[in-house]
C-alpha cells in the first residue's frame, strides 16, 4: 500500500476516517447509542445523562488536540504491517 499512494493521500484518508468512521469504531458507536439509551431510561432524574462514548472502548489514549505528524502516521502504519 505504501508503494501505491503518497503520504499526502494517506493523510487525507486518515482525516476522512476521523470525520466519517467506518468498521468496528462505527459498530462501537452504534452499541454505545443503544447502551446509553438503556442506561438513561433507568437513571434517576438527578443523575447525569450518559453519552454513547461512556460505553465505547478506548484503545488509545492520545490527546485529541495533538496533531499527528506524517512521520508518526507512517511509523504506526509500518508497525501495523509488521515493519514493512
PDB file of N, CA and C in Angstrom:
ATOM      1  N   UNK A   1       0.817  -1.179   0.000  1.00  0.00           N
ATOM      2  CA  UNK A   1       0.000   0.000   0.000  1.00  0.00           C
ATOM      3  C   UNK A   1       0.874   1.261   0.000  1.00  0.00           C
ATOM      4  N   UNK A   2       1.948   1.242   0.782  1.00  0.00           N
ATOM      5  CA  UNK A   2       2.804   2.421   0.857  1.00  0.00           C
ATOM      6  C   UNK A   2       3.462   2.749  -0.476  1.00  0.00           C
ATOM      7  N   UNK A   3       3.680   1.732  -1.293  1.00  0.00           N
ATOM      8  CA  UNK A   3       4.289   1.961  -2.594  1.00  0.00           C
ATOM      9  C   UNK A   3       3.288   2.513  -3.599  1.00  0.00           C
ATOM     10  N   UNK A   4       2.003   2.352  -3.310  1.00  0.00           N
ATOM     11  CA  UNK A   4       0.973   2.745  -4.255  1.00  0.00           C
ATOM     12  C   UNK A   4       0.433   4.160  -4.071  1.00  0.00           C
ATOM     13  N   UNK A   5       0.419   4.679  -2.838  1.00  0.00           N
ATOM     14  CA  UNK A   5      -0.160   6.008  -2.604  1.00  0.00           C
ATOM     15  C   UNK A   5       0.862   6.916  -1.929  1.00  0.00           C
ATOM     16  N   UNK A   6       0.671   8.203  -2.094  1.00  0.00           N
ATOM     17  CA  UNK A   6       1.572   9.170  -1.472  1.00  0.00           C
ATOM     18  C   UNK A   6       1.203   9.367  -0.008  1.00  0.00           C
ATOM     19  N   UNK A   7       2.121   9.927   0.763  1.00  0.00           N
ATOM     20  CA  UNK A   7       1.829  10.198   2.170  1.00  0.00           C
ATOM     21  C   UNK A   7       0.710  11.235   2.295  1.00  0.00           C
ATOM     22  N   UNK A   8       0.623  12.138   1.325  1.00  0.00           N
ATOM     23  CA  UNK A   8      -0.450  13.134   1.334  1.00  0.00           C
ATOM     24  C   UNK A   8      -1.818  12.458   1.183  1.00  0.00           C
ATOM     25  N   UNK A   9      -1.914  11.524   0.243  1.00  0.00           N
ATOM     26  CA  UNK A   9      -3.162  10.802   0.043  1.00  0.00           C
ATOM     27  C   UNK A   9      -3.516   9.978   1.274  1.00  0.00           C
ATOM     28  N   UNK A  10      -2.519   9.337   1.863  1.00  0.00           N
ATOM     29  CA  UNK A  10      -2.742   8.552   3.076  1.00  0.00           C
ATOM     30  C   UNK A  10      -3.252   9.449   4.200  1.00  0.00           C
ATOM     31  N   UNK A  11      -2.660  10.618   4.368  1.00  0.00           N
ATOM     32  CA  UNK A  11      -3.101  11.562   5.403  1.00  0.00           C
ATOM     33  C   UNK A  11      -4.536  12.018   5.159  1.00  0.00           C
ATOM     34  N   UNK A  12      -4.898  12.210   3.895  1.00  0.00           N
ATOM     35  CA  UNK A  12      -6.275  12.584   3.571  1.00  0.00           C
ATOM     36  C   UNK A  12      -7.253  11.485   3.965  1.00  0.00           C
ATOM     37  N   UNK A  13      -6.892  10.221   3.706  1.00  0.00           N
ATOM     38  CA  UNK A  13      -7.765   9.108   4.084  1.00  0.00           C
ATOM     39  C   UNK A  13      -7.916   9.038   5.595  1.00  0.00           C
ATOM     40  N   UNK A  14      -6.826   9.264   6.336  1.00  0.00           N
ATOM     41  CA  UNK A  14      -6.922   9.257   7.801  1.00  0.00           C
ATOM     42  C   UNK A  14      -7.832  10.379   8.293  1.00  0.00           C
ATOM     43  N   UNK A  15      -7.712  11.553   7.696  1.00  0.00           N
ATOM     44  CA  UNK A  15      -8.569  12.674   8.079  1.00  0.00           C
ATOM     45  C   UNK A  15     -10.029  12.375   7.755  1.00  0.00           C
ATOM     46  N   UNK A  16     -10.278  11.779   6.602  1.00  0.00           N
ATOM     47  CA  UNK A  16     -11.645  11.417   6.216  1.00  0.00           C
ATOM     48  C   UNK A  16     -12.230  10.406   7.195  1.00  0.00           C
ATOM     49  N   UNK A  17     -11.418   9.444   7.616  1.00  0.00           N
ATOM     50  CA  UNK A  17     -11.901   8.416   8.546  1.00  0.00           C
ATOM     51  C   UNK A  17     -12.257   9.027   9.898  1.00  0.00           C
ATOM     52  N   UNK A  18     -11.546  10.063  10.291  1.00  0.00           N
ATOM     53  CA  UNK A  18     -11.885  10.741  11.548  1.00  0.00           C
ATOM     54  C   UNK A  18     -13.245  11.437  11.439  1.00  0.00           C
ATOM     55  N   UNK A  19     -13.566  11.945  10.256  1.00  0.00           N
ATOM     56  CA  UNK A  19     -14.849  12.617  10.053  1.00  0.00           C
ATOM     57  C   UNK A  19     -15.988  11.628   9.847  1.00  0.00           C
ATOM     58  N   UNK A  20     -15.735  10.583   9.107  1.00  0.00           N
ATOM     59  CA  UNK A  20     -16.749   9.582   8.761  1.00  0.00           C
ATOM     60  C   UNK A  20     -16.209   8.188   9.073  1.00  0.00           C
ATOM     61  N   UNK A  21     -16.238   7.787  10.352  1.00  0.00           N
ATOM     62  CA  UNK A  21     -15.657   6.485  10.695  1.00  0.00           C
ATOM     63  C   UNK A  21     -16.423   5.317  10.085  1.00  0.00           C
ATOM     64  N   UNK A  22     -15.709   4.237   9.828  1.00  0.00           N
ATOM     65  CA  UNK A  22     -16.325   3.016   9.340  1.00  0.00           C
ATOM     66  C   UNK A  22     -15.700   1.853  10.098  1.00  0.00           C
ATOM     67  N   UNK A  23     -16.252   0.685   9.932  1.00  0.00           N
ATOM     68  CA  UNK A  23     -15.706  -0.508  10.560  1.00  0.00           C
ATOM     69  C   UNK A  23     -16.106  -0.649  12.019  1.00  0.00           C
ATOM     70  N   UNK A  24     -15.216  -1.228  12.819  1.00  0.00           N
ATOM     71  CA  UNK A  24     -15.511  -1.537  14.211  1.00  0.00           C
ATOM     72  C   UNK A  24     -15.802  -0.294  15.045  1.00  0.00           C
ATOM     73  N   UNK A  25     -15.132   0.800  14.763  1.00  0.00           N
ATOM     74  CA  UNK A  25     -15.391   2.029  15.518  1.00  0.00           C
ATOM     75  C   UNK A  25     -16.846   2.470  15.352  1.00  0.00           C
ATOM     76  N   UNK A  26     -17.353   2.356  14.160  1.00  0.00           N
ATOM     77  CA  UNK A  26     -18.748   2.722  13.898  1.00  0.00           C
ATOM     78  C   UNK A  26     -19.687   1.750  14.612  1.00  0.00           C
ATOM     79  N   UNK A  27     -19.345   0.470  14.624  1.00  0.00           N
ATOM     80  CA  UNK A  27     -20.153  -0.526  15.329  1.00  0.00           C
ATOM     81  C   UNK A  27     -20.154  -0.243  16.834  1.00  0.00           C
ATOM     82  N   UNK A  28     -19.000   0.151  17.373  1.00  0.00           N
ATOM     83  CA  UNK A  28     -18.933   0.506  18.796  1.00  0.00           C
ATOM     84  C   UNK A  28     -19.827   1.701  19.101  1.00  0.00           C
ATOM     85  N   UNK A  29     -19.880   2.666  18.184  1.00  0.00           N
ATOM     86  CA  UNK A  29     -20.747   3.830  18.383  1.00  0.00           C
ATOM     87  C   UNK A  29     -22.213   3.414  18.420  1.00  0.00           C
ATOM     88  N   UNK A  30     -22.611   2.561  17.495  1.00  0.00           N
ATOM     89  CA  UNK A  30     -23.997   2.089  17.487  1.00  0.00           C
ATOM     90  C   UNK A  30     -24.344   1.371  18.789  1.00  0.00           C
ATOM     91  N   UNK A  31     -23.434   0.521  19.254  1.00  0.00           N
ATOM     92  CA  UNK A  31     -23.670  -0.183  20.519  1.00  0.00           C
ATOM     93  C   UNK A  31     -23.708   0.804  21.682  1.00  0.00           C
ATOM     94  N   UNK A  32     -22.849   1.836  21.636  1.00  0.00           N
ATOM     95  CA  UNK A  32     -22.850   2.854  22.684  1.00  0.00           C
ATOM     96  C   UNK A  32     -24.149   3.646  22.726  1.00  0.00           C
ATOM     97  N   UNK A  33     -24.724   3.908  21.558  1.00  0.00           N
ATOM     98  CA  UNK A  33     -26.009   4.614  21.493  1.00  0.00           C
ATOM     99  C   UNK A  33     -27.097   3.779  22.164  1.00  0.00           C
ATOM    100  N   UNK A  34     -27.120   2.495  21.869  1.00  0.00           N
ATOM    101  CA  UNK A  34     -28.118   1.621  22.475  1.00  0.00           C
ATOM    102  C   UNK A  34     -27.908   1.536  23.986  1.00  0.00           C
ATOM    103  N   UNK A  35     -26.657   1.326  24.407  1.00  0.00           N
ATOM    104  CA  UNK A  35     -26.376   1.197  25.839  1.00  0.00           C
ATOM    105  C   UNK A  35     -26.702   2.479  26.593  1.00  0.00           C
ATOM    106  N   UNK A  36     -26.363   3.639  26.027  1.00  0.00           N
ATOM    107  CA  UNK A  36     -26.656   4.900  26.718  1.00  0.00           C
ATOM    108  C   UNK A  36     -28.159   5.154  26.784  1.00  0.00           C
ATOM    109  N   UNK A  37     -28.882   4.773  25.754  1.00  0.00           N
ATOM    110  CA  UNK A  37     -30.342   4.914  25.776  1.00  0.00           C
ATOM    111  C   UNK A  37     -30.939   4.063  26.885  1.00  0.00           C
ATOM    112  N   UNK A  38     -30.481   2.825  26.994  1.00  0.00           N
ATOM    113  CA  UNK A  38     -30.977   1.936  28.046  1.00  0.00           C
ATOM    114  C   UNK A  38     -30.615   2.484  29.428  1.00  0.00           C
ATOM    115  N   UNK A  39     -29.375   2.903  29.602  1.00  0.00           N
ATOM    116  CA  UNK A  39     -28.943   3.416  30.908  1.00  0.00           C
ATOM    117  C   UNK A  39     -29.694   4.692  31.271  1.00  0.00           C
ATOM    118  N   UNK A  40     -29.901   5.571  30.304  1.00  0.00           N
ATOM    119  CA  UNK A  40     -30.618   6.819  30.572  1.00  0.00           C
ATOM    120  C   UNK A  40     -32.087   6.574  30.914  1.00  0.00           C
ATOM    121  N   UNK A  41     -32.656   5.524  30.354  1.00  0.00           N
ATOM    122  CA  UNK A  41     -34.061   5.238  30.655  1.00  0.00           C
ATOM    123  C   UNK A  41     -34.241   4.737  32.088  1.00  0.00           C
ATOM    124  N   UNK A  42     -33.152   4.276  32.711  1.00  0.00           N
ATOM    125  CA  UNK A  42     -33.243   3.737  34.066  1.00  0.00           C
ATOM    126  C   UNK A  42     -32.577   4.621  35.129  1.00  0.00           C
ATOM    127  N   UNK A  43     -31.992   5.733  34.742  1.00  0.00           N
ATOM    128  CA  UNK A  43     -31.324   6.591  35.716  1.00  0.00           C
ATOM    129  C   UNK A  43     -32.345   7.487  36.407  1.00  0.00           C
ATOM    130  N   UNK A  44     -31.957   8.006  37.561  1.00  0.00           N
ATOM    131  CA  UNK A  44     -32.828   8.923  38.285  1.00  0.00           C
ATOM    132  C   UNK A  44     -32.854  10.285  37.621  1.00  0.00           C
ATOM    133  N   UNK A  45     -33.825  11.096  37.992  1.00  0.00           N
ATOM    134  CA  UNK A  45     -33.967  12.421  37.388  1.00  0.00           C
ATOM    135  C   UNK A  45     -32.789  13.324  37.704  1.00  0.00           C
ATOM    136  N   UNK A  46     -32.138  13.102  38.834  1.00  0.00           N
ATOM    137  CA  UNK A  46     -30.999  13.945  39.214  1.00  0.00           C
ATOM    138  C   UNK A  46     -29.676  13.393  38.698  1.00  0.00           C
ATOM    139  N   UNK A  47     -29.699  12.227  38.113  1.00  0.00           N
ATOM    140  CA  UNK A  47     -28.475  11.617  37.601  1.00  0.00           C
ATOM    141  C   UNK A  47     -27.989  12.290  36.331  1.00  0.00           C
ATOM    142  N   UNK A  48     -26.686  12.241  36.144  1.00  0.00           N
ATOM    143  CA  UNK A  48     -26.076  12.815  34.938  1.00  0.00           C
ATOM    144  C   UNK A  48     -26.385  11.908  33.737  1.00  0.00           C
ATOM    145  N   UNK A  49     -26.833  12.486  32.629  1.00  0.00           N
ATOM    146  CA  UNK A  49     -27.135  11.657  31.440  1.00  0.00           C
ATOM    147  C   UNK A  49     -25.880  10.973  30.905  1.00  0.00           C
ATOM    148  N   UNK A  50     -26.039   9.752  30.475  1.00  0.00           N
ATOM    149  CA  UNK A  50     -24.947   9.007  29.859  1.00  0.00           C
ATOM    150  C   UNK A  50     -24.834   9.387  28.385  1.00  0.00           C
ATOM    151  N   UNK A  51     -23.619   9.316  27.875  1.00  0.00           N
ATOM    152  CA  UNK A  51     -23.347   9.551  26.457  1.00  0.00           C
ATOM    153  C   UNK A  51     -22.902   8.232  25.826  1.00  0.00           C
ATOM    154  N   UNK A  52     -23.086   8.056  24.526  1.00  0.00           N
ATOM    155  CA  UNK A  52     -22.625   6.824  23.883  1.00  0.00           C
ATOM    156  C   UNK A  52     -21.145   6.549  24.134  1.00  0.00           C
ATOM    157  N   UNK A  53     -20.334   7.597  24.201  1.00  0.00           N
ATOM    158  CA  UNK A  53     -18.897   7.431  24.414  1.00  0.00           C
ATOM    159  C   UNK A  53     -18.584   6.810  25.773  1.00  0.00           C
ATOM    160  N   UNK A  54     -19.498   6.951  26.730  1.00  0.00           N
ATOM    161  CA  UNK A  54     -19.290   6.345  28.047  1.00  0.00           C
ATOM    162  C   UNK A  54     -19.252   4.827  27.968  1.00  0.00           C
ATOM    163  N   UNK A  55     -19.797   4.256  26.905  1.00  0.00           N
ATOM    164  CA  UNK A  55     -19.892   2.810  26.761  1.00  0.00           C
ATOM    165  C   UNK A  55     -19.010   2.269  25.636  1.00  0.00           C
ATOM    166  N   UNK A  56     -18.171   3.120  25.078  1.00  0.00           N
ATOM    167  CA  UNK A  56     -17.294   2.703  23.980  1.00  0.00           C
ATOM    168  C   UNK A  56     -15.900   2.423  24.504  1.00  0.00           C
ATOM    169  N   UNK A  57     -15.237   1.372  23.993  1.00  0.00           N
ATOM    170  CA  UNK A  57     -13.874   1.081  24.435  1.00  0.00           C
ATOM    171  C   UNK A  57     -12.905   2.164  23.974  1.00  0.00           C
ATOM    172  N   UNK A  58     -11.892   2.386  24.784  1.00  0.00           N
ATOM    173  CA  UNK A  58     -10.851   3.360  24.442  1.00  0.00           C
ATOM    174  C   UNK A  58      -9.543   2.584  24.300  1.00  0.00           C
ATOM    175  N   UNK A  59      -9.089   2.453  23.065  1.00  0.00           N
ATOM    176  CA  UNK A  59      -7.889   1.678  22.806  1.00  0.00           C
ATOM    177  C   UNK A  59      -6.625   2.511  22.848  1.00  0.00           C
ATOM    178  N   UNK A  60      -6.724   3.781  22.494  1.00  0.00           N
ATOM    179  CA  UNK A  60      -5.569   4.675  22.521  1.00  0.00           C
ATOM    180  C   UNK A  60      -5.908   5.876  23.372  1.00  0.00           C
ATOM    181  N   UNK A  61      -4.937   6.333  24.120  1.00  0.00           N
ATOM    182  CA  UNK A  61      -5.148   7.472  24.998  1.00  0.00           C
ATOM    183  C   UNK A  61      -4.451   8.717  24.452  1.00  0.00           C
ATOM    184  N   UNK A  62      -4.461   8.893  23.143  1.00  0.00           N
ATOM    185  CA  UNK A  62      -3.837  10.067  22.518  1.00  0.00           C
ATOM    186  C   UNK A  62      -4.615  11.320  22.878  1.00  0.00           C
ATOM    187  N   UNK A  63      -3.907  12.413  22.986  1.00  0.00           N
ATOM    188  CA  UNK A  63      -4.541  13.708  23.212  1.00  0.00           C
ATOM    189  C   UNK A  63      -5.188  14.146  21.904  1.00  0.00           C
ATOM    190  N   UNK A  64      -6.506  14.386  21.882  1.00  0.00           N
ATOM    191  CA  UNK A  64      -7.162  14.750  20.627  1.00  0.00           C
ATOM    192  C   UNK A  64      -6.705  16.103  20.076  1.00  0.00           C
ATOM    193  N   UNK A  65      -6.086  16.927  20.917  1.00  0.00           N
ATOM    194  CA  UNK A  65      -5.608  18.225  20.444  1.00  0.00           C
ATOM    195  C   UNK A  65      -4.249  18.128  19.760  1.00  0.00           C
ATOM    196  N   UNK A  66      -3.542  17.005  19.955  1.00  0.00           N
ATOM    197  CA  UNK A  66      -2.239  16.826  19.320  1.00  0.00           C
ATOM    198  C   UNK A  66      -2.434  16.453  17.862  1.00  0.00           C
ATOM    199  N   UNK A  67      -1.778  17.163  16.970  1.00  0.00           N
ATOM    200  CA  UNK A  67      -1.810  16.818  15.558  1.00  0.00           C
ATOM    201  C   UNK A  67      -0.795  15.712  15.319  1.00  0.00           C
ATOM    202  N   UNK A  68      -1.226  14.636  14.697  1.00  0.00           N
ATOM    203  CA  UNK A  68      -0.318  13.547  14.398  1.00  0.00           C
ATOM    204  C   UNK A  68       0.486  13.916  13.158  1.00  0.00           C
ATOM    205  N   UNK A  69       1.793  13.805  13.263  1.00  0.00           N
ATOM    206  CA  UNK A  69       2.645  14.135  12.132  1.00  0.00           C
ATOM    207  C   UNK A  69       2.612  13.006  11.107  1.00  0.00           C
ATOM    208  N   UNK A  70       3.002  13.327   9.897  1.00  0.00           N
ATOM    209  CA  UNK A  70       3.058  12.318   8.847  1.00  0.00           C
ATOM    210  C   UNK A  70       4.026  11.212   9.240  1.00  0.00           C
ATOM    211  N   UNK A  71       5.151  11.581   9.855  1.00  0.00           N
ATOM    212  CA  UNK A  71       6.136  10.586  10.268  1.00  0.00           C
ATOM    213  C   UNK A  71       5.537   9.626  11.294  1.00  0.00           C
ATOM    214  N   UNK A  72       4.750  10.148  12.230  1.00  0.00           N
ATOM    215  CA  UNK A  72       4.111   9.297  13.230  1.00  0.00           C
ATOM    216  C   UNK A  72       3.099   8.374  12.572  1.00  0.00           C
ATOM    217  N   UNK A  73       2.310   8.908  11.631  1.00  0.00           N
ATOM    218  CA  UNK A  73       1.337   8.075  10.926  1.00  0.00           C
ATOM    219  C   UNK A  73       2.036   6.952  10.168  1.00  0.00           C
ATOM    220  N   UNK A  74       3.133   7.287   9.495  1.00  0.00           N
ATOM    221  CA  UNK A  74       3.852   6.286   8.716  1.00  0.00           C
ATOM    222  C   UNK A  74       4.470   5.231   9.637  1.00  0.00           C
ATOM    223  N   UNK A  75       4.994   5.666  10.788  1.00  0.00           N
ATOM    224  CA  UNK A  75       5.583   4.712  11.734  1.00  0.00           C
ATOM    225  C   UNK A  75       4.518   3.749  12.256  1.00  0.00           C
ATOM    226  N   UNK A  76       3.339   4.263  12.557  1.00  0.00           N
ATOM    227  CA  UNK A  76       2.251   3.403  13.035  1.00  0.00           C
ATOM    228  C   UNK A  76       1.802   2.447  11.945  1.00  0.00           C
ATOM    229  N   UNK A  77       1.731   2.926  10.721  1.00  0.00           N
ATOM    230  CA  UNK A  77       1.336   2.069   9.615  1.00  0.00           C
ATOM    231  C   UNK A  77       2.360   0.951   9.407  1.00  0.00           C
ATOM    232  N   UNK A  78       3.640   1.312   9.424  1.00  0.00           N
ATOM    233  CA  UNK A  78       4.684   0.301   9.254  1.00  0.00           C
ATOM    234  C   UNK A  78       4.622  -0.730  10.376  1.00  0.00           C
ATOM    235  N   UNK A  79       4.395  -0.286  11.616  1.00  0.00           N
ATOM    236  CA  UNK A  79       4.292  -1.200  12.741  1.00  0.00           C
ATOM    237  C   UNK A  79       3.104  -2.137  12.567  1.00  0.00           C
ATOM    238  N   UNK A  80       1.977  -1.592  12.080  1.00  0.00           N
ATOM    239  CA  UNK A  80       0.788  -2.400  11.862  1.00  0.00           C
ATOM    240  C   UNK A  80       0.997  -3.432  10.762  1.00  0.00           C
ATOM    241  N   UNK A  81       1.860  -3.097   9.808  1.00  0.00           N
ATOM    242  CA  UNK A  81       2.135  -4.007   8.688  1.00  0.00           C
ATOM    243  C   UNK A  81       3.334  -4.899   8.959  1.00  0.00           C
ATOM    244  N   UNK A  82       3.780  -4.964  10.192  1.00  0.00           N
ATOM    245  CA  UNK A  82       4.897  -5.831  10.526  1.00  0.00           C
ATOM    246  C   UNK A  82       6.251  -5.261  10.186  1.00  0.00           C
ATOM    247  N   UNK A  83       6.384  -3.950  10.151  1.00  0.00           N
ATOM    248  CA  UNK A  83       7.665  -3.315   9.901  1.00  0.00           C
ATOM    249  C   UNK A  83       8.022  -3.142   8.442  1.00  0.00           C
ATOM    250  N   UNK A  84       7.089  -3.366   7.547  1.00  0.00           N
ATOM    251  CA  UNK A  84       7.384  -3.243   6.113  1.00  0.00           C
ATOM    252  C   UNK A  84       7.373  -1.806   5.670  1.00  0.00           C
TER     253      UNK A  84
END
